[in-house]
Amino acid sequence: FANKGLVPATLVKPLNYLSQVFDAVTKRLIEVLDQHSVFQQEPSLPSLIELAGLPWHEEYFDMLDIVSYFNMTSGFRPPQNGQTTEEVNCIPHYDRGLLSISILSTNEGLQLKNMPNNEWIDGPLEPNIGVIWLGEAASRITQNRLKPGIHRVVYPQESKPRLTLLYELCTIEQLKKISADKKDELMANGTVTFKNLPGSAPITVSPGETKLGFLKRIEMSHGLSTSKMGPPSYRLEKHT
């Protein structure tokens, strides 16, 4: 993003430094969680790294997201779930990595799903409190003993901008997909669903739509960045 001019030059070094700090802190956190057998019955960091597919020794270990919500819409009661940005800022989803950390939120909006009670809980706004939730990789390596944290962002009661800082501990496959996707490829006609968007309706591919165009359209309509979308499942049109 810095090379594309999307991040001011004065912020590139501080953000790189912040990302490296969180890399180091998160590695230590994973070591502690492994020592307490959170993910496996017996502590084994090498086994955890392999099972989760973590880029432990790679230069890039994470994904640092900075998201700005303009919040031109405000003041209405959040829906039960919400499937488009007409209803919520960001639709319900879970992340694909091992875990994510919400570091900063300057305004209300983040909600976490309490699965047993099927209710949404507001995230904290205190500046000294962060939120950690697990991702798809944690569910996969524990055979769903640990559940991925479903979360969303709703519109605030008052129309105030919201800046949020998120850190996601990614898998190798996730990072490869972000950097190597052939996004200029034409998509086949049909519908697409994403596993990490529970409750979301199938999305119809427009005629002649490229992969990048499709992902950008979903980004605008669902409030979810393309890097957060899970592997798609296609249902192609039948031709007779």
C-alpha atoms as a PDB file:
ATOM      1  CA  PHE A   1       0.000   0.000   0.000  1.00  0.00           C
ATOM      2  CA  ALA A   2       2.885   2.351   0.695  1.00  0.00           C
ATOM      3  CA  ASN A   3       4.222   1.733  -2.831  1.00  0.00           C
ATOM      4  CA  LYS A   4       0.787   2.583  -4.257  1.00  0.00           C
ATOM      5  CA  GLY A   5       0.676   5.879  -2.374  1.00  0.00           C
ATOM      6  CA  LEU A   6      -2.255   4.820  -0.202  1.00  0.00           C
ATOM      7  CA  VAL A   7      -0.303   5.417   3.012  1.00  0.00           C
ATOM      8  CA  PRO A   8       1.352   8.820   3.675  1.00  0.00           C
ATOM      9  CA  ALA A   9       5.139   8.539   3.442  1.00  0.00           C
ATOM     10  CA  THR A  10       5.546   9.887   6.982  1.00  0.00           C
ATOM     11  CA  LEU A  11       3.568   6.931   8.367  1.00  0.00           C
ATOM     12  CA  VAL A  12       5.346   4.102   6.551  1.00  0.00           C
ATOM     13  CA  LYS A  13       8.211   3.683   9.024  1.00  0.00           C
ATOM     14  CA  PRO A  14       6.065   4.037  12.188  1.00  0.00           C
ATOM     15  CA  LEU A  15       3.561   1.502  10.858  1.00  0.00           C
ATOM     16  CA  ASN A  16       6.319  -0.925   9.877  1.00  0.00           C
ATOM     17  CA  TYR A  17       7.766  -0.576  13.358  1.00  0.00           C
ATOM     18  CA  LEU A  18       4.346  -1.114  14.946  1.00  0.00           C
ATOM     19  CA  SER A  19       3.846  -4.224  12.841  1.00  0.00           C
ATOM     20  CA  GLN A  20       7.238  -5.604  13.903  1.00  0.00           C
ATOM     21  CA  VAL A  21       6.420  -4.926  17.559  1.00  0.00           C
ATOM     22  CA  PHE A  22       3.177  -6.856  17.260  1.00  0.00           C
ATOM     23  CA  ASP A  23       5.002  -9.660  15.468  1.00  0.00           C
ATOM     24  CA  ALA A  24       7.308 -10.041  18.464  1.00  0.00           C
ATOM     25  CA  VAL A  25       4.534  -9.696  21.049  1.00  0.00           C
ATOM     26  CA  THR A  26       2.265 -12.142  19.245  1.00  0.00           C
ATOM     27  CA  LYS A  27       5.014 -14.739  18.893  1.00  0.00           C
ATOM     28  CA  ARG A  28       5.524 -14.584  22.640  1.00  0.00           C
ATOM     29  CA  LEU A  29       1.748 -14.840  23.176  1.00  0.00           C
ATOM     30  CA  ILE A  30       1.599 -17.972  21.006  1.00  0.00           C
ATOM     31  CA  GLU A  31       4.469 -19.498  22.978  1.00  0.00           C
ATOM     32  CA  VAL A  32       2.612 -18.863  26.253  1.00  0.00           C
ATOM     33  CA  LEU A  33      -0.657 -20.267  24.895  1.00  0.00           C
ATOM     34  CA  ASP A  34       1.185 -23.348  23.666  1.00  0.00           C
ATOM     35  CA  GLN A  35       2.847 -23.856  27.055  1.00  0.00           C
ATOM     36  CA  HIS A  36      -0.625 -23.880  28.631  1.00  0.00           C
ATOM     37  CA  SER A  37      -1.906 -26.445  26.085  1.00  0.00           C
ATOM     38  CA  VAL A  38      -4.557 -24.119  24.697  1.00  0.00           C
ATOM     39  CA  PHE A  39      -4.382 -25.503  21.153  1.00  0.00           C
ATOM     40  CA  GLN A  40      -2.972 -29.004  21.754  1.00  0.00           C
ATOM     41  CA  GLN A  41      -3.092 -31.591  24.528  1.00  0.00           C
ATOM     42  CA  GLU A  42       0.692 -31.528  24.874  1.00  0.00           C
ATOM     43  CA  PRO A  43       2.805 -28.366  24.440  1.00  0.00           C
ATOM     44  CA  SER A  44       4.779 -28.430  21.188  1.00  0.00           C
ATOM     45  CA  LEU A  45       5.486 -25.155  19.438  1.00  0.00           C
ATOM     46  CA  PRO A  46       6.935 -26.778  16.258  1.00  0.00           C
ATOM     47  CA  SER A  47       3.823 -28.947  15.968  1.00  0.00           C
ATOM     48  CA  LEU A  48       1.529 -25.942  16.434  1.00  0.00           C
ATOM     49  CA  ILE A  49       3.400 -23.946  13.784  1.00  0.00           C
ATOM     50  CA  GLU A  50       3.110 -26.821  11.312  1.00  0.00           C
ATOM     51  CA  LEU A  51      -0.545 -27.639  12.017  1.00  0.00           C
ATOM     52  CA  ALA A  52      -1.677 -24.017  11.822  1.00  0.00           C
ATOM     53  CA  GLY A  53       0.578 -23.253   8.856  1.00  0.00           C
ATOM     54  CA  LEU A  54       2.121 -20.191  10.495  1.00  0.00           C
ATOM     55  CA  PRO A  55       4.858 -18.202   8.692  1.00  0.00           C
ATOM     56  CA  TRP A  56       6.952 -18.287  11.878  1.00  0.00           C
ATOM     57  CA  HIS A  57      10.316 -17.736  10.223  1.00  0.00           C
ATOM     58  CA  GLU A  58       9.177 -15.540   7.342  1.00  0.00           C
ATOM     59  CA  GLU A  59       9.789 -11.814   6.967  1.00  0.00           C
ATOM     60  CA  TYR A  60       6.055 -11.108   6.981  1.00  0.00           C
ATOM     61  CA  PHE A  61       4.195 -12.691   9.859  1.00  0.00           C
ATOM     62  CA  ASP A  62       1.011 -10.702  10.110  1.00  0.00           C
ATOM     63  CA  MET A  63      -1.490  -8.354   8.560  1.00  0.00           C
ATOM     64  CA  LEU A  64      -1.923  -4.913  10.123  1.00  0.00           C
ATOM     65  CA  ASP A  65      -5.211  -3.314   9.069  1.00  0.00           C
ATOM     66  CA  ILE A  66      -6.113   0.341   9.513  1.00  0.00           C
ATOM     67  CA  VAL A  67      -9.786   0.940   8.749  1.00  0.00           C
ATOM     68  CA  SER A  68     -11.609   4.259   8.685  1.00  0.00           C
ATOM     69  CA  TYR A  69     -15.412   4.279   8.864  1.00  0.00           C
ATOM     70  CA  PHE A  70     -16.986   7.583   7.817  1.00  0.00           C
ATOM     71  CA  ASN A  71     -20.286   6.703   9.545  1.00  0.00           C
ATOM     72  CA  MET A  72     -22.569   8.892   7.468  1.00  0.00           C
ATOM     73  CA  THR A  73     -25.395   6.606   8.623  1.00  0.00           C
ATOM     74  CA  SER A  74     -26.266   6.513  12.311  1.00  0.00           C
ATOM     75  CA  GLY A  75     -28.952   6.334  14.951  1.00  0.00           C
ATOM     76  CA  PHE A  76     -30.942   3.241  14.022  1.00  0.00           C
ATOM     77  CA  ARG A  77     -31.312  -0.075  15.818  1.00  0.00           C
ATOM     78  CA  PRO A  78     -28.834  -2.727  14.592  1.00  0.00           C
ATOM     79  CA  PRO A  79     -30.436  -5.678  12.769  1.00  0.00           C
ATOM     80  CA  GLN A  80     -30.275  -9.263  13.995  1.00  0.00           C
ATOM     81  CA  ASN A  81     -27.350  -9.941  11.661  1.00  0.00           C
ATOM     82  CA  GLY A  82     -27.060  -7.656   8.636  1.00  0.00           C
ATOM     83  CA  GLN A  83     -25.990  -8.740   5.155  1.00  0.00           C
ATOM     84  CA  THR A  84     -25.120  -5.471   3.414  1.00  0.00           C
ATOM     85  CA  THR A  85     -23.649  -2.062   4.241  1.00  0.00           C
ATOM     86  CA  GLU A  86     -27.176  -0.660   4.099  1.00  0.00           C
ATOM     87  CA  GLU A  87     -27.726  -2.435   7.425  1.00  0.00           C
ATOM     88  CA  VAL A  88     -24.271  -2.569   9.040  1.00  0.00           C
ATOM     89  CA  ASN A  89     -20.808  -1.101   8.520  1.00  0.00           C
ATOM     90  CA  CYS A  90     -19.236  -4.545   8.169  1.00  0.00           C
ATOM     91  CA  ILE A  91     -21.208  -7.787   7.931  1.00  0.00           C
ATOM     92  CA  PRO A  92     -20.753 -10.681  10.414  1.00  0.00           C
ATOM     93  CA  HIS A  93     -17.645 -12.737   9.664  1.00  0.00           C
ATOM     94  CA  TYR A  94     -14.723 -14.526  11.235  1.00  0.00           C
ATOM     95  CA  ASP A  95     -11.066 -14.099  10.326  1.00  0.00           C
ATOM     96  CA  ARG A  96      -9.023 -16.775   8.576  1.00  0.00           C
ATOM     97  CA  GLY A  97      -5.822 -16.689  10.646  1.00  0.00           C
ATOM     98  CA  LEU A  98      -4.985 -18.116  14.065  1.00  0.00           C
ATOM     99  CA  LEU A  99      -6.063 -15.047  16.030  1.00  0.00           C
ATOM    100  CA  SER A 100      -6.739 -11.336  15.682  1.00  0.00           C
ATOM    101  CA  ILE A 101      -6.204  -8.409  18.028  1.00  0.00           C
ATOM    102  CA  SER A 102      -8.346  -5.277  17.981  1.00  0.00           C
ATOM    103  CA  ILE A 103      -5.899  -2.656  19.218  1.00  0.00           C
ATOM    104  CA  LEU A 104      -7.762   0.619  18.818  1.00  0.00           C
ATOM    105  CA  SER A 105     -11.323   1.811  18.243  1.00  0.00           C
ATOM    106  CA  THR A 106     -12.082   5.522  18.379  1.00  0.00           C
ATOM    107  CA  ASN A 107     -15.859   5.097  18.326  1.00  0.00           C
ATOM    108  CA  GLU A 108     -18.529   2.493  19.056  1.00  0.00           C
ATOM    109  CA  GLY A 109     -19.451  -0.120  16.478  1.00  0.00           C
ATOM    110  CA  LEU A 110     -17.506  -3.342  17.078  1.00  0.00           C
ATOM    111  CA  GLN A 111     -19.732  -6.201  18.217  1.00  0.00           C
ATOM    112  CA  LEU A 112     -18.814  -9.793  19.091  1.00  0.00           C
ATOM    113  CA  LYS A 113     -21.216 -12.731  18.728  1.00  0.00           C
ATOM    114  CA  ASN A 114     -22.131 -14.666  21.867  1.00  0.00           C
ATOM    115  CA  MET A 115     -22.880 -17.959  20.135  1.00  0.00           C
ATOM    116  CA  PRO A 116     -24.605 -19.853  23.014  1.00  0.00           C
ATOM    117  CA  ASN A 117     -27.053 -16.973  23.555  1.00  0.00           C
ATOM    118  CA  ASN A 118     -27.159 -15.878  19.900  1.00  0.00           C
ATOM    119  CA  GLU A 119     -26.676 -12.235  20.872  1.00  0.00           C
ATOM    120  CA  TRP A 120     -24.282  -9.432  19.997  1.00  0.00           C
ATOM    121  CA  ILE A 121     -22.029  -7.874  22.650  1.00  0.00           C
ATOM    122  CA  ASP A 122     -20.490  -4.415  22.256  1.00  0.00           C
ATOM    123  CA  GLY A 123     -16.701  -4.316  22.177  1.00  0.00           C
ATOM    124  CA  PRO A 124     -14.895  -2.144  24.766  1.00  0.00           C
ATOM    125  CA  LEU A 125     -13.951   1.446  23.963  1.00  0.00           C
ATOM    126  CA  GLU A 126     -11.431   2.005  26.767  1.00  0.00           C
ATOM    127  CA  PRO A 127      -8.055   3.065  25.273  1.00  0.00           C
ATOM    128  CA  ASN A 128      -6.100   0.612  27.441  1.00  0.00           C
ATOM    129  CA  ILE A 129      -8.200  -2.455  26.576  1.00  0.00           C
ATOM    130  CA  GLY A 130      -7.875  -4.566  23.431  1.00  0.00           C
ATOM    131  CA  VAL A 131      -9.876  -7.530  22.185  1.00  0.00           C
ATOM    132  CA  ILE A 132      -8.494 -10.887  21.034  1.00  0.00           C
ATOM    133  CA  TRP A 133     -10.570 -13.374  19.068  1.00  0.00           C
ATOM    134  CA  LEU A 134      -9.646 -16.652  17.435  1.00  0.00           C
ATOM    135  CA  GLY A 135      -9.775 -17.327  13.717  1.00  0.00           C
ATOM    136  CA  GLU A 136     -10.498 -20.205  11.377  1.00  0.00           C
ATOM    137  CA  ALA A 137      -7.031 -21.753  11.829  1.00  0.00           C
ATOM    138  CA  ALA A 138      -7.611 -22.158  15.588  1.00  0.00           C
ATOM    139  CA  SER A 139     -10.885 -23.955  14.909  1.00  0.00           C
ATOM    140  CA  ARG A 140      -9.282 -26.195  12.299  1.00  0.00           C
ATOM    141  CA  ILE A 141      -6.325 -27.403  14.378  1.00  0.00           C
ATOM    142  CA  THR A 142      -8.517 -28.071  17.451  1.00  0.00           C
ATOM    143  CA  GLN A 143     -11.224 -29.842  15.413  1.00  0.00           C
ATOM    144  CA  ASN A 144     -13.660 -27.058  16.304  1.00  0.00           C
ATOM    145  CA  ARG A 145     -13.070 -27.333  20.050  1.00  0.00           C
ATOM    146  CA  LEU A 146     -12.141 -23.650  19.881  1.00  0.00           C
ATOM    147  CA  LYS A 147     -14.605 -21.595  17.862  1.00  0.00           C
ATOM    148  CA  PRO A 148     -13.688 -18.727  15.534  1.00  0.00           C
ATOM    149  CA  GLY A 149     -14.823 -15.355  16.855  1.00  0.00           C
ATOM    150  CA  ILE A 150     -17.674 -14.000  14.754  1.00  0.00           C
ATOM    151  CA  HIS A 151     -17.760 -10.211  14.799  1.00  0.00           C
ATOM    152  CA  ARG A 152     -19.255  -7.280  12.918  1.00  0.00           C
ATOM    153  CA  VAL A 153     -19.298  -3.473  12.911  1.00  0.00           C
ATOM    154  CA  VAL A 154     -22.629  -1.657  13.271  1.00  0.00           C
ATOM    155  CA  TYR A 155     -23.451   1.986  12.678  1.00  0.00           C
ATOM    156  CA  PRO A 156     -23.060   4.210  15.771  1.00  0.00           C
ATOM    157  CA  GLN A 157     -25.826   6.118  17.519  1.00  0.00           C
ATOM    158  CA  GLU A 158     -24.056   9.402  16.702  1.00  0.00           C
ATOM    159  CA  SER A 159     -22.572  10.161  13.301  1.00  0.00           C
ATOM    160  CA  LYS A 160     -18.885  10.225  14.212  1.00  0.00           C
ATOM    161  CA  PRO A 161     -15.976   8.791  12.190  1.00  0.00           C
ATOM    162  CA  ARG A 162     -14.418   5.607  13.541  1.00  0.00           C
ATOM    163  CA  LEU A 163     -10.763   4.644  13.174  1.00  0.00           C
ATOM    164  CA  THR A 164      -9.750   1.138  14.083  1.00  0.00           C
ATOM    165  CA  LEU A 165      -6.437  -0.733  14.159  1.00  0.00           C
ATOM    166  CA  LEU A 166      -6.464  -4.517  13.767  1.00  0.00           C
ATOM    167  CA  TYR A 167      -3.685  -7.085  13.772  1.00  0.00           C
ATOM    168  CA  GLU A 168      -4.245 -10.588  12.360  1.00  0.00           C
ATOM    169  CA  LEU A 169      -1.859 -13.511  12.777  1.00  0.00           C
ATOM    170  CA  CYS A 170      -2.101 -15.018   9.296  1.00  0.00           C
ATOM    171  CA  THR A 171      -1.344 -18.448   7.877  1.00  0.00           C
ATOM    172  CA  ILE A 172       1.155 -19.061   5.070  1.00  0.00           C
ATOM    173  CA  GLU A 173      -1.675 -19.985   2.699  1.00  0.00           C
ATOM    174  CA  GLN A 174      -3.501 -16.782   3.565  1.00  0.00           C
ATOM    175  CA  LEU A 175      -0.492 -14.572   2.822  1.00  0.00           C
ATOM    176  CA  LYS A 176       0.203 -16.392  -0.445  1.00  0.00           C
ATOM    177  CA  LYS A 177      -3.375 -15.899  -1.553  1.00  0.00           C
ATOM    178  CA  ILE A 178      -3.286 -12.176  -0.803  1.00  0.00           C
ATOM    179  CA  SER A 179      -0.098 -11.620  -2.806  1.00  0.00           C
ATOM    180  CA  ALA A 180      -0.520 -14.119  -5.653  1.00  0.00           C
ATOM    181  CA  ASP A 181      -4.203 -14.071  -6.615  1.00  0.00           C
ATOM    182  CA  LYS A 182      -4.815 -13.695 -10.359  1.00  0.00           C
ATOM    183  CA  LYS A 183      -7.376 -10.989  -9.832  1.00  0.00           C
ATOM    184  CA  ASP A 184      -7.678 -10.014 -13.512  1.00  0.00           C
ATOM    185  CA  GLU A 185      -9.127 -13.422 -14.431  1.00  0.00           C
ATOM    186  CA  LEU A 186     -12.705 -13.535 -15.674  1.00  0.00           C
ATOM    187  CA  MET A 187     -15.095 -15.360 -13.359  1.00  0.00           C
ATOM    188  CA  ALA A 188     -17.498 -18.031 -14.548  1.00  0.00           C
ATOM    189  CA  ASN A 189     -21.203 -17.245 -14.324  1.00  0.00           C
ATOM    190  CA  GLY A 190     -22.856 -18.553 -11.183  1.00  0.00           C
ATOM    191  CA  THR A 191     -22.986 -17.773  -7.476  1.00  0.00           C
ATOM    192  CA  VAL A 192     -20.300 -17.588  -4.804  1.00  0.00           C
ATOM    193  CA  THR A 193     -20.427 -18.148  -1.057  1.00  0.00           C
ATOM    194  CA  PHE A 194     -17.681 -17.525   1.492  1.00  0.00           C
ATOM    195  CA  LYS A 195     -17.281 -19.937   4.394  1.00  0.00           C
ATOM    196  CA  ASN A 196     -16.217 -17.212   6.829  1.00  0.00           C
ATOM    197  CA  LEU A 197     -19.377 -15.137   6.210  1.00  0.00           C
ATOM    198  CA  PRO A 198     -21.927 -17.208   8.188  1.00  0.00           C
ATOM    199  CA  GLY A 199     -25.517 -16.500   7.248  1.00  0.00           C
ATOM    200  CA  SER A 200     -24.572 -14.537   4.147  1.00  0.00           C
ATOM    201  CA  ALA A 201     -26.622 -15.205   1.015  1.00  0.00           C
ATOM    202  CA  PRO A 202     -24.939 -16.530  -2.174  1.00  0.00           C
ATOM    203  CA  ILE A 203     -23.542 -13.715  -4.329  1.00  0.00           C
ATOM    204  CA  THR A 204     -24.240 -13.733  -8.065  1.00  0.00           C
ATOM    205  CA  VAL A 205     -21.340 -13.117 -10.442  1.00  0.00           C
ATOM    206  CA  SER A 206     -22.105 -10.404 -12.992  1.00  0.00           C
ATOM    207  CA  PRO A 207     -21.534 -11.222 -16.695  1.00  0.00           C
ATOM    208  CA  GLY A 208     -17.934 -10.505 -17.734  1.00  0.00           C
ATOM    209  CA  GLU A 209     -16.861  -9.734 -14.159  1.00  0.00           C
ATOM    210  CA  THR A 210     -13.201 -10.147 -13.219  1.00  0.00           C
ATOM    211  CA  LYS A 211     -12.096 -11.587  -9.900  1.00  0.00           C
ATOM    212  CA  LEU A 212     -10.818  -8.179  -8.771  1.00  0.00           C
ATOM    213  CA  GLY A 213     -14.031  -6.467  -9.828  1.00  0.00           C
ATOM    214  CA  PHE A 214     -16.082  -9.068  -7.980  1.00  0.00           C
ATOM    215  CA  LEU A 215     -14.033  -8.743  -4.787  1.00  0.00           C
ATOM    216  CA  LYS A 216     -14.204  -4.947  -4.918  1.00  0.00           C
ATOM    217  CA  ARG A 217     -17.966  -5.105  -5.337  1.00  0.00           C
ATOM    218  CA  ILE A 218     -18.253  -7.367  -2.301  1.00  0.00           C
ATOM    219  CA  GLU A 219     -15.943  -5.056  -0.378  1.00  0.00           C
ATOM    220  CA  MET A 220     -18.279  -2.124  -1.017  1.00  0.00           C
ATOM    221  CA  SER A 221     -21.535  -3.999  -0.394  1.00  0.00           C
ATOM    222  CA  HIS A 222     -20.385  -6.003   2.643  1.00  0.00           C
ATOM    223  CA  GLY A 223     -17.895  -3.620   4.282  1.00  0.00           C
ATOM    224  CA  LEU A 224     -15.249  -6.351   4.355  1.00  0.00           C
ATOM    225  CA  SER A 225     -11.786  -5.874   2.840  1.00  0.00           C
ATOM    226  CA  THR A 226     -10.763  -8.350   0.139  1.00  0.00           C
ATOM    227  CA  SER A 227      -7.918  -9.623   2.334  1.00  0.00           C
ATOM    228  CA  LYS A 228     -10.460 -10.809   4.934  1.00  0.00           C
ATOM    229  CA  MET A 229     -12.551 -12.951   2.609  1.00  0.00           C
ATOM    230  CA  GLY A 230     -12.183 -16.697   2.940  1.00  0.00           C
ATOM    231  CA  PRO A 231     -11.843 -19.244   0.123  1.00  0.00           C
ATOM    232  CA  PRO A 232     -14.892 -18.975  -2.159  1.00  0.00           C
ATOM    233  CA  SER A 233     -17.251 -21.837  -2.994  1.00  0.00           C
ATOM    234  CA  TYR A 234     -18.687 -21.676  -6.511  1.00  0.00           C
ATOM    235  CA  ARG A 235     -22.016 -22.906  -7.824  1.00  0.00           C
ATOM    236  CA  LEU A 236     -21.761 -22.609 -11.596  1.00  0.00           C
ATOM    237  CA  GLU A 237     -24.691 -22.089 -13.925  1.00  0.00           C
ATOM    238  CA  LYS A 238     -26.002 -25.208 -15.630  1.00  0.00           C
ATOM    239  CA  HIS A 239     -26.121 -25.098 -19.410  1.00  0.00           C
ATOM    240  CA  THR A 240     -28.516 -27.328 -21.279  1.00  0.00           C
END
